[in-house]
Amino acid sequence: MHLISFLDRLNHPNASMIEKLKRNIYIDWLKKNKLPKNSLALSVSVGDGIWDYLAFKNKKNIKKIIATDIVPNPVDPNCIKILKSLGSWEYKKIQAEKPLPFPKDSFDLIFHQDVIEHVKKPYMFLSQQYKVLKKGGILICGTPNLFRPANILKLLIGKLKFPNKIGHNIEIGDYVHIQEFYEQQLKILFQEIGFQNIEILHIYFGFFPLNIIINKLPKNIIGKSMCHFLMFKCNK
């Protein structure tokens, strides 16, 4: 079985602008925000492990990462060796839509990208992360924006429907967007759960399928509302 390698993704010469911006913002947030020495981090839906790798490389205070997913470990063995050379790295298979199997107030940092749109119970998904995050701990996450131009076009021609199958992977199976979110919807969700100091960055205003870029990091209302991807950082 061919497992996913983040080395292929890191070294890909044609990585998309959105992918590069997501990595840069994630790294910037890691570097700017304080974590205790010997911090414990939780990687939610680890995928190929790229976010774990970037966390170890850019935040020396992280001593250990516990990575989770709902399938047997999907990370390539060579990538696992790299991760374990950078810090303590452990994989744990979990059940979808079930409580996280970790004690309350366990983690200093929790991170995931392109995950919440795949879950059926987003409130439970985030509230479980809130529960296992330590007081003052950091959550970094991101998801596609519901109101991006490609979706608006689909809506106008009657093609925007959920659940939406967007791809397939041998190890994980079908990639399905159960639902998608817009900025205010997620901000309210974070607030209801109890997260504080919510920071939002908007990535790529343009028409991504045709590589039409209007603004990489939009600052005006239209660009923010119709950006392709939303990234959030908040604290417990």
C-alpha atoms as a PDB file:
ATOM      1  CA  MET A   1       0.000   0.000   0.000  1.00  0.00           C
ATOM      2  CA  HIS A   2       1.353   3.439  -0.954  1.00  0.00           C
ATOM      3  CA  LEU A   3       1.079   5.797   1.987  1.00  0.00           C
ATOM      4  CA  ILE A   4       1.030   9.578   1.797  1.00  0.00           C
ATOM      5  CA  SER A   5       4.380  11.397   1.851  1.00  0.00           C
ATOM      6  CA  PHE A   6       4.617  15.015   2.908  1.00  0.00           C
ATOM      7  CA  LEU A   7       8.039  15.119   1.231  1.00  0.00           C
ATOM      8  CA  ASP A   8       6.303  15.006  -2.153  1.00  0.00           C
ATOM      9  CA  ARG A   9       4.084  17.881  -1.089  1.00  0.00           C
ATOM     10  CA  LEU A  10       6.918  19.984   0.343  1.00  0.00           C
ATOM     11  CA  ASN A  11       9.081  19.532  -2.733  1.00  0.00           C
ATOM     12  CA  HIS A  12       6.334  19.869  -5.326  1.00  0.00           C
ATOM     13  CA  PRO A  13       7.467  22.567  -7.814  1.00  0.00           C
ATOM     14  CA  ASN A  14       3.893  23.549  -8.637  1.00  0.00           C
ATOM     15  CA  ALA A  15       2.409  23.903  -5.163  1.00  0.00           C
ATOM     16  CA  SER A  16      -0.593  26.211  -5.352  1.00  0.00           C
ATOM     17  CA  MET A  17      -0.552  29.782  -4.090  1.00  0.00           C
ATOM     18  CA  ILE A  18      -3.194  28.847  -1.517  1.00  0.00           C
ATOM     19  CA  GLU A  19      -1.056  25.983  -0.198  1.00  0.00           C
ATOM     20  CA  LYS A  20       1.968  28.266   0.153  1.00  0.00           C
ATOM     21  CA  LEU A  21      -0.025  30.973   1.921  1.00  0.00           C
ATOM     22  CA  LYS A  22      -1.562  28.478   4.342  1.00  0.00           C
ATOM     23  CA  ARG A  23       1.886  27.181   5.285  1.00  0.00           C
ATOM     24  CA  ASN A  24       3.337  30.676   5.681  1.00  0.00           C
ATOM     25  CA  ILE A  25       0.505  31.862   7.951  1.00  0.00           C
ATOM     26  CA  TYR A  26       0.653  28.672  10.030  1.00  0.00           C
ATOM     27  CA  ILE A  27       4.423  29.044  10.493  1.00  0.00           C
ATOM     28  CA  ASP A  28       4.081  32.748  11.308  1.00  0.00           C
ATOM     29  CA  TRP A  29       1.456  32.065  13.974  1.00  0.00           C
ATOM     30  CA  LEU A  30       3.578  29.292  15.484  1.00  0.00           C
ATOM     31  CA  LYS A  31       6.598  31.577  15.715  1.00  0.00           C
ATOM     32  CA  LYS A  32       4.715  34.583  17.124  1.00  0.00           C
ATOM     33  CA  ASN A  33       2.727  32.805  19.823  1.00  0.00           C
ATOM     34  CA  LYS A  34       4.253  31.603  23.066  1.00  0.00           C
ATOM     35  CA  LEU A  35       4.044  27.991  24.153  1.00  0.00           C
ATOM     36  CA  PRO A  36       5.377  26.519  27.389  1.00  0.00           C
ATOM     37  CA  LYS A  37       8.636  24.603  27.312  1.00  0.00           C
ATOM     38  CA  ASN A  38       8.106  20.895  26.490  1.00  0.00           C
ATOM     39  CA  SER A  39       4.635  21.544  25.064  1.00  0.00           C
ATOM     40  CA  LEU A  40       2.297  18.740  24.001  1.00  0.00           C
ATOM     41  CA  ALA A  41       0.448  19.212  20.701  1.00  0.00           C
ATOM     42  CA  LEU A  42      -2.509  17.415  19.139  1.00  0.00           C
ATOM     43  CA  SER A  43      -2.610  16.942  15.368  1.00  0.00           C
ATOM     44  CA  VAL A  44      -6.234  16.358  14.344  1.00  0.00           C
ATOM     45  CA  SER A  45      -6.683  14.282  11.183  1.00  0.00           C
ATOM     46  CA  VAL A  46      -2.956  14.084  10.471  1.00  0.00           C
ATOM     47  CA  GLY A  47      -3.200  13.127   6.785  1.00  0.00           C
ATOM     48  CA  ASP A  48       0.313  13.136   5.324  1.00  0.00           C
ATOM     49  CA  GLY A  49       1.820  14.754   8.451  1.00  0.00           C
ATOM     50  CA  ILE A  50       2.941  18.009   6.848  1.00  0.00           C
ATOM     51  CA  TRP A  51       1.495  20.218   9.597  1.00  0.00           C
ATOM     52  CA  ASP A  52       3.218  18.086  12.249  1.00  0.00           C
ATOM     53  CA  TYR A  53       6.513  18.486  10.392  1.00  0.00           C
ATOM     54  CA  LEU A  54       6.108  22.262  10.124  1.00  0.00           C
ATOM     55  CA  ALA A  55       5.203  22.458  13.815  1.00  0.00           C
ATOM     56  CA  PHE A  56       8.339  20.602  14.917  1.00  0.00           C
ATOM     57  CA  LYS A  57      10.552  22.598  12.533  1.00  0.00           C
ATOM     58  CA  ASN A  58       9.230  26.018  13.515  1.00  0.00           C
ATOM     59  CA  LYS A  59       8.376  25.716  17.219  1.00  0.00           C
ATOM     60  CA  LYS A  60      11.184  24.235  19.298  1.00  0.00           C
ATOM     61  CA  ASN A  61       9.039  24.342  22.456  1.00  0.00           C
ATOM     62  CA  ILE A  62       6.954  21.448  21.117  1.00  0.00           C
ATOM     63  CA  LYS A  63       8.324  18.306  22.719  1.00  0.00           C
ATOM     64  CA  LYS A  64       5.651  15.838  21.607  1.00  0.00           C
ATOM     65  CA  ILE A  65       2.880  15.599  19.016  1.00  0.00           C
ATOM     66  CA  ILE A  66       0.058  13.081  19.269  1.00  0.00           C
ATOM     67  CA  ALA A  67      -1.357  12.640  15.772  1.00  0.00           C
ATOM     68  CA  THR A  68      -4.846  11.292  15.146  1.00  0.00           C
ATOM     69  CA  ASP A  69      -6.992  10.141  12.247  1.00  0.00           C
ATOM     70  CA  ILE A  70      -9.962   7.835  11.703  1.00  0.00           C
ATOM     71  CA  VAL A  71      -7.966   5.355   9.577  1.00  0.00           C
ATOM     72  CA  PRO A  72      -4.814   3.285  10.248  1.00  0.00           C
ATOM     73  CA  ASN A  73      -1.741   5.516  10.292  1.00  0.00           C
ATOM     74  CA  PRO A  74      -1.740   7.195   6.829  1.00  0.00           C
ATOM     75  CA  VAL A  75       1.736   8.774   7.141  1.00  0.00           C
ATOM     76  CA  ASP A  76       4.538   7.350   4.990  1.00  0.00           C
ATOM     77  CA  PRO A  77       7.124   5.373   7.079  1.00  0.00           C
ATOM     78  CA  ASN A  78       9.970   7.581   5.831  1.00  0.00           C
ATOM     79  CA  CYS A  79       8.051  10.639   6.970  1.00  0.00           C
ATOM     80  CA  ILE A  80       7.392   9.020  10.344  1.00  0.00           C
ATOM     81  CA  LYS A  81      11.160   8.590  10.772  1.00  0.00           C
ATOM     82  CA  ILE A  82      11.672  12.273   9.986  1.00  0.00           C
ATOM     83  CA  LEU A  83       8.984  13.326  12.469  1.00  0.00           C
ATOM     84  CA  LYS A  84      10.463  11.131  15.201  1.00  0.00           C
ATOM     85  CA  SER A  85      13.903  12.592  14.538  1.00  0.00           C
ATOM     86  CA  LEU A  86      12.500  16.058  15.303  1.00  0.00           C
ATOM     87  CA  GLY A  87      10.621  15.197  18.500  1.00  0.00           C
ATOM     88  CA  SER A  88       8.405  12.640  20.169  1.00  0.00           C
ATOM     89  CA  TRP A  89       5.669  11.656  17.701  1.00  0.00           C
ATOM     90  CA  GLU A  90       2.872   9.180  18.356  1.00  0.00           C
ATOM     91  CA  TYR A  91      -0.084   8.080  16.255  1.00  0.00           C
ATOM     92  CA  LYS A  92      -3.514   7.173  17.647  1.00  0.00           C
ATOM     93  CA  LYS A  93      -6.477   6.005  15.585  1.00  0.00           C
ATOM     94  CA  ILE A  94      -9.741   7.507  16.798  1.00  0.00           C
ATOM     95  CA  GLN A  95     -13.427   7.108  15.987  1.00  0.00           C
ATOM     96  CA  ALA A  96     -15.237   9.628  13.836  1.00  0.00           C
ATOM     97  CA  GLU A  97     -17.864  11.782  15.576  1.00  0.00           C
ATOM     98  CA  LYS A  98     -16.886  10.411  19.016  1.00  0.00           C
ATOM     99  CA  PRO A  99     -15.316  12.108  22.076  1.00  0.00           C
ATOM    100  CA  LEU A 100     -11.531  12.466  21.973  1.00  0.00           C
ATOM    101  CA  PRO A 101      -9.822   9.768  24.100  1.00  0.00           C
ATOM    102  CA  PHE A 102      -7.637  12.231  26.024  1.00  0.00           C
ATOM    103  CA  PRO A 103      -7.907  13.768  29.502  1.00  0.00           C
ATOM    104  CA  LYS A 104      -9.243  17.265  29.988  1.00  0.00           C
ATOM    105  CA  ASP A 105      -6.665  20.073  29.773  1.00  0.00           C
ATOM    106  CA  SER A 106      -3.975  17.913  28.124  1.00  0.00           C
ATOM    107  CA  PHE A 107      -2.643  19.928  25.161  1.00  0.00           C
ATOM    108  CA  ASP A 108      -0.855  23.250  24.750  1.00  0.00           C
ATOM    109  CA  LEU A 109      -1.520  23.371  20.991  1.00  0.00           C
ATOM    110  CA  ILE A 110      -4.109  21.797  18.683  1.00  0.00           C
ATOM    111  CA  PHE A 111      -4.000  22.151  14.902  1.00  0.00           C
ATOM    112  CA  HIS A 112      -5.806  20.934  11.781  1.00  0.00           C
ATOM    113  CA  GLN A 113      -6.350  22.132   8.216  1.00  0.00           C
ATOM    114  CA  ASP A 114      -9.157  21.171   5.793  1.00  0.00           C
ATOM    115  CA  VAL A 115     -10.885  18.967   8.355  1.00  0.00           C
ATOM    116  CA  ILE A 116     -14.002  20.578   9.854  1.00  0.00           C
ATOM    117  CA  GLU A 117     -15.794  20.574   6.490  1.00  0.00           C
ATOM    118  CA  HIS A 118     -15.608  16.750   6.562  1.00  0.00           C
ATOM    119  CA  VAL A 119     -17.336  16.241   9.932  1.00  0.00           C
ATOM    120  CA  LYS A 120     -21.048  15.777  10.608  1.00  0.00           C
ATOM    121  CA  LYS A 121     -21.037  17.367  14.063  1.00  0.00           C
ATOM    122  CA  PRO A 122     -18.863  20.511  13.970  1.00  0.00           C
ATOM    123  CA  TYR A 123     -19.947  21.728  17.425  1.00  0.00           C
ATOM    124  CA  MET A 124     -18.929  18.439  19.009  1.00  0.00           C
ATOM    125  CA  PHE A 125     -15.745  18.373  16.919  1.00  0.00           C
ATOM    126  CA  LEU A 126     -14.570  21.763  18.233  1.00  0.00           C
ATOM    127  CA  SER A 127     -15.951  21.428  21.768  1.00  0.00           C
ATOM    128  CA  GLN A 128     -13.958  18.212  22.239  1.00  0.00           C
ATOM    129  CA  GLN A 129     -10.822  20.113  21.232  1.00  0.00           C
ATOM    130  CA  TYR A 130     -11.724  22.876  23.686  1.00  0.00           C
ATOM    131  CA  LYS A 131     -12.080  20.276  26.438  1.00  0.00           C
ATOM    132  CA  VAL A 132      -8.641  18.718  25.933  1.00  0.00           C
ATOM    133  CA  LEU A 133      -6.882  22.070  25.363  1.00  0.00           C
ATOM    134  CA  LYS A 134      -5.184  23.622  28.378  1.00  0.00           C
ATOM    135  CA  LYS A 135      -6.253  27.027  29.691  1.00  0.00           C
ATOM    136  CA  GLY A 136      -4.471  29.568  27.498  1.00  0.00           C
ATOM    137  CA  GLY A 137      -3.689  26.886  24.905  1.00  0.00           C
ATOM    138  CA  ILE A 138      -3.804  27.631  21.183  1.00  0.00           C
ATOM    139  CA  LEU A 139      -5.997  26.228  18.408  1.00  0.00           C
ATOM    140  CA  ILE A 140      -4.951  26.824  14.792  1.00  0.00           C
ATOM    141  CA  CYS A 141      -7.231  25.597  12.030  1.00  0.00           C
ATOM    142  CA  GLY A 142      -8.449  26.367   8.531  1.00  0.00           C
ATOM    143  CA  THR A 143     -11.223  25.509   6.102  1.00  0.00           C
ATOM    144  CA  PRO A 144     -12.453  26.504   2.622  1.00  0.00           C
ATOM    145  CA  ASN A 145     -14.795  29.513   2.587  1.00  0.00           C
ATOM    146  CA  LEU A 146     -18.370  28.679   1.592  1.00  0.00           C
ATOM    147  CA  PHE A 147     -18.710  31.989  -0.278  1.00  0.00           C
ATOM    148  CA  ARG A 148     -15.681  31.625  -2.553  1.00  0.00           C
ATOM    149  CA  PRO A 149     -16.343  32.586  -6.208  1.00  0.00           C
ATOM    150  CA  ALA A 150     -16.355  29.008  -7.532  1.00  0.00           C
ATOM    151  CA  ASN A 151     -19.134  28.124  -5.073  1.00  0.00           C
ATOM    152  CA  ILE A 152     -21.149  31.227  -5.938  1.00  0.00           C
ATOM    153  CA  LEU A 153     -20.984  30.253  -9.613  1.00  0.00           C
ATOM    154  CA  LYS A 154     -22.129  26.713  -8.749  1.00  0.00           C
ATOM    155  CA  LEU A 155     -24.979  28.154  -6.694  1.00  0.00           C
ATOM    156  CA  LEU A 156     -26.145  30.330  -9.598  1.00  0.00           C
ATOM    157  CA  ILE A 157     -26.331  27.341 -11.954  1.00  0.00           C
ATOM    158  CA  GLY A 158     -27.874  25.064  -9.318  1.00  0.00           C
ATOM    159  CA  LYS A 159     -24.815  22.846  -8.830  1.00  0.00           C
ATOM    160  CA  LEU A 160     -23.815  23.692  -5.229  1.00  0.00           C
ATOM    161  CA  LYS A 161     -24.869  20.710  -3.145  1.00  0.00           C
ATOM    162  CA  PHE A 162     -23.700  19.006   0.038  1.00  0.00           C
ATOM    163  CA  PRO A 163     -22.446  16.438   0.835  1.00  0.00           C
ATOM    164  CA  ASN A 164     -19.984  16.927  -2.024  1.00  0.00           C
ATOM    165  CA  LYS A 165     -17.430  14.296  -3.057  1.00  0.00           C
ATOM    166  CA  ILE A 166     -14.225  16.093  -4.035  1.00  0.00           C
ATOM    167  CA  GLY A 167     -11.767  13.213  -4.457  1.00  0.00           C
ATOM    168  CA  HIS A 168     -10.593   9.766  -3.416  1.00  0.00           C
ATOM    169  CA  ASN A 169      -7.578   8.322  -1.647  1.00  0.00           C
ATOM    170  CA  ILE A 170      -6.673   4.626  -1.361  1.00  0.00           C
ATOM    171  CA  GLU A 171      -5.938   4.833   2.373  1.00  0.00           C
ATOM    172  CA  ILE A 172      -8.690   7.201   3.450  1.00  0.00           C
ATOM    173  CA  GLY A 173     -11.393   6.561   0.839  1.00  0.00           C
ATOM    174  CA  ASP A 174     -13.700   9.264  -0.521  1.00  0.00           C
ATOM    175  CA  TYR A 175     -13.019  12.885   0.397  1.00  0.00           C
ATOM    176  CA  VAL A 176     -16.460  14.344   1.102  1.00  0.00           C
ATOM    177  CA  HIS A 177     -17.308  17.881   2.185  1.00  0.00           C
ATOM    178  CA  ILE A 178     -20.272  17.251   4.474  1.00  0.00           C
ATOM    179  CA  GLN A 179     -20.798  21.004   4.776  1.00  0.00           C
ATOM    180  CA  GLU A 180     -18.860  24.233   4.347  1.00  0.00           C
ATOM    181  CA  PHE A 181     -18.792  27.399   6.426  1.00  0.00           C
ATOM    182  CA  TYR A 182     -18.495  31.153   6.145  1.00  0.00           C
ATOM    183  CA  GLU A 183     -16.521  33.393   8.494  1.00  0.00           C
ATOM    184  CA  GLN A 184     -19.241  34.681  10.833  1.00  0.00           C
ATOM    185  CA  GLN A 185     -20.767  31.222  11.187  1.00  0.00           C
ATOM    186  CA  LEU A 186     -17.498  29.746  12.464  1.00  0.00           C
ATOM    187  CA  LYS A 187     -16.667  32.775  14.603  1.00  0.00           C
ATOM    188  CA  ILE A 188     -19.975  32.409  16.442  1.00  0.00           C
ATOM    189  CA  LEU A 189     -19.361  28.677  16.841  1.00  0.00           C
ATOM    190  CA  PHE A 190     -15.937  29.312  18.409  1.00  0.00           C
ATOM    191  CA  GLN A 191     -17.437  31.924  20.735  1.00  0.00           C
ATOM    192  CA  GLU A 192     -20.315  29.677  21.830  1.00  0.00           C
ATOM    193  CA  ILE A 193     -17.869  26.923  22.740  1.00  0.00           C
ATOM    194  CA  GLY A 194     -15.769  29.351  24.782  1.00  0.00           C
ATOM    195  CA  PHE A 195     -12.736  30.165  22.634  1.00  0.00           C
ATOM    196  CA  GLN A 196     -11.241  33.634  23.058  1.00  0.00           C
ATOM    197  CA  ASN A 197      -8.922  36.000  21.174  1.00  0.00           C
ATOM    198  CA  ILE A 198     -10.239  34.771  17.826  1.00  0.00           C
ATOM    199  CA  GLU A 199      -8.013  35.877  14.950  1.00  0.00           C
ATOM    200  CA  ILE A 200      -9.022  35.317  11.326  1.00  0.00           C
ATOM    201  CA  LEU A 201      -6.962  35.571   8.152  1.00  0.00           C
ATOM    202  CA  HIS A 202      -8.442  35.462   4.653  1.00  0.00           C
ATOM    203  CA  ILE A 203      -6.545  33.672   1.898  1.00  0.00           C
ATOM    204  CA  TYR A 204      -6.756  34.202  -1.872  1.00  0.00           C
ATOM    205  CA  PHE A 205      -9.460  36.353  -3.431  1.00  0.00           C
ATOM    206  CA  GLY A 206      -9.819  35.317  -7.050  1.00  0.00           C
ATOM    207  CA  PHE A 207     -11.013  32.426  -9.169  1.00  0.00           C
ATOM    208  CA  PHE A 208      -8.824  29.533  -8.087  1.00  0.00           C
ATOM    209  CA  PRO A 209      -9.752  26.994 -10.821  1.00  0.00           C
ATOM    210  CA  LEU A 210      -8.478  29.432 -13.484  1.00  0.00           C
ATOM    211  CA  ASN A 211      -5.593  30.750 -11.342  1.00  0.00           C
ATOM    212  CA  ILE A 212      -7.024  34.273 -11.454  1.00  0.00           C
ATOM    213  CA  ILE A 213      -5.620  36.221  -8.469  1.00  0.00           C
ATOM    214  CA  ILE A 214      -7.153  39.516  -7.368  1.00  0.00           C
ATOM    215  CA  ASN A 215      -5.571  39.618  -3.922  1.00  0.00           C
ATOM    216  CA  LYS A 216      -3.521  37.008  -2.045  1.00  0.00           C
ATOM    217  CA  LEU A 217      -4.525  38.266   1.410  1.00  0.00           C
ATOM    218  CA  PRO A 218      -7.588  40.479   0.894  1.00  0.00           C
ATOM    219  CA  LYS A 219      -8.294  43.302   3.337  1.00  0.00           C
ATOM    220  CA  ASN A 220     -11.530  44.806   1.959  1.00  0.00           C
ATOM    221  CA  ILE A 221     -15.011  43.507   2.756  1.00  0.00           C
ATOM    222  CA  ILE A 222     -15.669  41.935  -0.654  1.00  0.00           C
ATOM    223  CA  GLY A 223     -12.297  40.187  -0.775  1.00  0.00           C
ATOM    224  CA  LYS A 224     -12.647  38.856   2.765  1.00  0.00           C
ATOM    225  CA  SER A 225     -16.226  37.677   2.205  1.00  0.00           C
ATOM    226  CA  MET A 226     -15.318  35.880  -1.034  1.00  0.00           C
ATOM    227  CA  CYS A 227     -11.831  34.596  -0.204  1.00  0.00           C
ATOM    228  CA  HIS A 228     -11.027  30.977  -0.954  1.00  0.00           C
ATOM    229  CA  PHE A 229      -9.789  29.874   2.477  1.00  0.00           C
ATOM    230  CA  LEU A 230     -10.243  30.955   6.112  1.00  0.00           C
ATOM    231  CA  MET A 231      -7.642  30.428   8.829  1.00  0.00           C
ATOM    232  CA  PHE A 232      -8.437  30.789  12.528  1.00  0.00           C
ATOM    233  CA  LYS A 233      -6.309  31.091  15.643  1.00  0.00           C
ATOM    234  CA  CYS A 234      -7.831  31.274  19.116  1.00  0.00           C
ATOM    235  CA  ASN A 235      -7.204  30.468  22.765  1.00  0.00           C
ATOM    236  CA  LYS A 236      -9.002  28.605  25.502  1.00  0.00           C
END
